[in-house]
Protein backbone atom coordinates (compact mmCIF):
# COMPACT_ATOMS: atom_id res chain seq x y z
CA UNK A 1 392.66 -23.98 199.99
CA UNK A 2 392.39 -24.46 196.22
CA UNK A 3 389.06 -24.49 194.41
CA UNK A 4 389.96 -28.08 193.52
CA UNK A 5 389.84 -29.01 197.23
CA UNK A 6 386.20 -27.98 197.68
CA UNK A 7 383.69 -30.77 198.26
CA UNK A 8 380.25 -30.50 196.68
CA UNK A 9 377.60 -33.09 195.88
CA UNK A 10 376.36 -33.97 192.41
CA UNK A 11 372.78 -33.10 191.46
CA UNK A 12 371.94 -36.79 191.30
CA UNK A 13 373.83 -37.65 194.51
CA UNK A 14 377.38 -38.62 195.26
CA UNK A 15 380.45 -36.40 195.09
CA UNK A 16 381.05 -33.78 192.41
CA UNK A 17 384.12 -32.09 193.90
CA UNK A 18 386.29 -30.17 191.50
CA UNK A 19 389.26 -32.40 192.34
CA UNK A 20 387.85 -34.82 189.76
CA UNK A 21 388.55 -32.14 187.13
CA UNK A 22 392.17 -31.51 188.08
CA UNK A 23 394.10 -31.08 184.86
CA UNK A 24 391.01 -29.77 183.03
CA UNK A 25 389.59 -26.28 182.67
CA UNK A 26 386.19 -25.90 184.34
CA UNK A 27 383.56 -23.27 183.57
CA UNK A 28 381.48 -23.02 186.75
CA UNK A 29 378.06 -21.43 186.19
CA UNK A 30 375.26 -20.81 188.69
CA UNK A 31 372.15 -21.84 186.78
CA UNK A 32 368.38 -21.48 187.07
CA UNK A 33 365.50 -22.98 185.11
CA UNK A 34 363.07 -20.04 185.26
CA UNK A 35 365.30 -17.12 184.35
CA UNK A 36 365.39 -14.94 181.26
CA UNK A 37 368.96 -16.18 180.81
CA UNK A 38 367.99 -19.86 180.96
CA UNK A 39 368.54 -20.28 177.18
CA UNK A 40 372.25 -20.03 177.99
CA UNK A 41 371.94 -23.73 178.88
CA UNK A 42 371.96 -24.50 175.14
CA UNK A 43 375.10 -22.41 174.60
CA UNK A 44 376.81 -24.00 177.61
CA UNK A 45 376.03 -27.43 176.17
CA UNK A 46 377.57 -26.41 172.83
CA UNK A 47 380.70 -25.27 174.67
CA UNK A 48 380.83 -28.58 176.52
CA UNK A 49 380.59 -30.53 173.28
CA UNK A 50 383.04 -28.30 171.39
CA UNK A 51 385.77 -28.19 174.01
CA UNK A 52 385.41 -31.41 176.04
CA UNK A 53 388.05 -33.24 174.00
CA UNK A 54 390.44 -30.34 174.52
CA UNK A 55 390.04 -30.40 178.29
CA UNK A 56 387.02 -28.25 179.27
CA UNK A 57 384.18 -29.25 181.56
CA UNK A 58 381.13 -27.03 182.07
CA UNK A 59 379.81 -27.41 185.62
CA UNK A 60 376.27 -26.20 186.33
CA UNK A 61 375.50 -25.16 189.91
CA UNK A 62 371.77 -24.66 190.52
CA UNK A 63 370.88 -21.77 192.81
CA UNK A 64 367.50 -20.47 193.96
CA UNK A 65 368.68 -17.19 195.51
CA UNK A 66 367.64 -14.88 192.67
CA UNK A 67 363.87 -14.31 192.76
CA UNK A 68 363.23 -18.03 193.36
CA UNK A 69 364.08 -18.91 189.75
CA UNK A 70 365.32 -22.42 190.56
CA UNK A 71 362.60 -23.84 192.83
CA UNK A 72 362.65 -27.43 191.61
CA UNK A 73 363.89 -30.58 193.27
CA UNK A 74 367.14 -32.12 192.11
CA UNK A 75 365.17 -34.55 189.96
CA UNK A 76 363.05 -31.78 188.41
CA UNK A 77 366.14 -29.73 187.60
CA UNK A 78 367.89 -32.71 185.97
CA UNK A 79 364.81 -33.58 183.91
CA UNK A 80 364.26 -29.97 182.80
CA UNK A 81 367.87 -29.52 181.70
CA UNK A 82 368.16 -32.77 179.82
CA UNK A 83 364.76 -32.68 178.10
CA UNK A 84 364.59 -28.95 177.33
CA UNK A 85 368.24 -28.24 176.47
CA UNK A 86 369.79 -31.68 176.02
CA UNK A 87 372.43 -30.95 178.63
CA UNK A 88 375.07 -33.57 179.26
CA UNK A 89 377.48 -31.51 181.35
CA UNK A 90 377.68 -32.27 185.08
CA UNK A 91 375.52 -30.46 187.60
CA UNK A 92 375.94 -30.08 191.35
CA UNK A 93 373.44 -29.97 194.14
CA UNK A 94 371.49 -26.73 194.57
CA UNK A 95 373.51 -24.29 196.71
CA UNK A 96 373.62 -20.71 197.96
CA UNK A 97 376.17 -18.58 196.13
CA UNK A 98 375.79 -15.53 198.40
CA UNK A 99 375.11 -14.77 202.05
CA UNK A 100 375.79 -16.53 205.32
CA UNK A 101 375.15 -19.96 203.78
CA UNK A 102 377.35 -19.35 200.72
CA UNK A 103 378.82 -22.66 199.60
CA UNK A 104 382.62 -22.91 200.07
CA UNK A 105 383.01 -23.27 196.30
CA UNK A 106 381.59 -19.79 195.80
CA UNK A 107 383.53 -18.42 198.77
CA UNK A 108 386.64 -19.38 196.80
CA UNK A 109 385.35 -18.10 193.44
CA UNK A 110 383.88 -14.67 194.25
CA UNK A 111 387.17 -12.99 195.11
CA UNK A 112 388.05 -13.00 191.41
CA UNK A 113 387.20 -9.80 189.55
CA UNK A 114 385.36 -9.68 186.24
CA UNK A 115 386.32 -7.36 183.36
CA UNK A 116 384.53 -4.47 185.10
CA UNK A 117 386.44 -5.06 188.35
CA UNK A 118 383.47 -6.55 190.24
CA UNK A 119 384.39 -8.93 193.06
CA UNK A 120 382.26 -10.33 195.84
CA UNK A 121 378.65 -11.43 195.61
CA UNK A 122 377.32 -13.14 192.52
CA UNK A 123 374.97 -10.65 190.87
CA UNK A 124 372.51 -12.96 189.11
CA UNK A 125 371.95 -16.37 187.56
CA UNK A 126 374.44 -17.52 184.93
CA UNK A 127 377.51 -15.73 186.30
CA UNK A 128 380.51 -17.67 185.02
CA UNK A 129 383.88 -18.53 186.61
CA UNK A 130 386.68 -20.13 184.62
CA UNK A 131 388.93 -22.39 186.68
CA UNK A 132 392.28 -23.28 185.12
CA UNK A 133 393.58 -26.87 185.18
CA UNK A 134 395.80 -26.05 188.17
CA UNK A 135 392.82 -24.85 190.23
CA UNK A 136 393.38 -21.11 189.95
CA UNK A 137 390.39 -18.96 189.08
CA UNK A 138 391.40 -17.57 185.70
CA UNK A 139 388.41 -15.37 184.85
CA UNK A 140 384.94 -14.22 185.85
CA UNK A 141 382.15 -13.21 183.50
CA UNK A 142 378.89 -11.45 184.28
CA UNK A 143 375.50 -13.09 183.73
CA UNK A 144 374.80 -11.19 180.51
CA UNK A 145 378.06 -12.33 178.89
CA UNK A 146 377.13 -15.12 176.50
CA UNK A 147 379.07 -18.34 177.12
CA UNK A 148 380.24 -18.44 173.49
CA UNK A 149 381.30 -14.78 173.31
CA UNK A 150 384.82 -13.99 172.10
CA UNK A 151 385.67 -12.88 175.64
CA UNK A 152 384.78 -16.26 177.14
CA UNK A 153 386.10 -18.49 174.36
CA UNK A 154 389.47 -16.67 174.29
CA UNK A 155 389.80 -17.12 178.05
CA UNK A 156 388.89 -20.81 177.74
CA UNK A 157 391.36 -21.39 174.93
CA UNK A 158 394.11 -19.67 176.93
CA UNK A 159 393.82 -22.20 179.77
CA UNK A 160 392.96 -25.42 177.95
CA UNK A 161 395.42 -28.20 178.73
CA UNK A 162 395.18 -29.74 175.22
């Protein structure tokens, strides 16, 4: 099963499956509104705006598994992101990224190693997975890696379709 085959709902309802992004690079990020890394939302939005025309979509995936840092409803999350950080990139429903209830999207993503060789469980909010246009998981970046770091932008540019 390809990552592109995974079904997931949009934050505001309806489907948000990755199949709609086939042919585009997707940066999948588990996000939280009450985390020390929450300012990464602004950087993710800049990436979305900078690379959208070249074939990148940032996809935010809210998760409340790390110290309860994403407790809001879907509506509260959407309002917080758009009013505080001006986000326009798509967001999915709130899901579990680890454990027995891990969403199938993350079951497919977590087998990819980051630069330190870490595979398996997501370690914290704002861990990033780069999915290539063909649905392969091209890279994984730890939570502390800034979305606009050379490491991330070089990986993005290497898989962009345009």
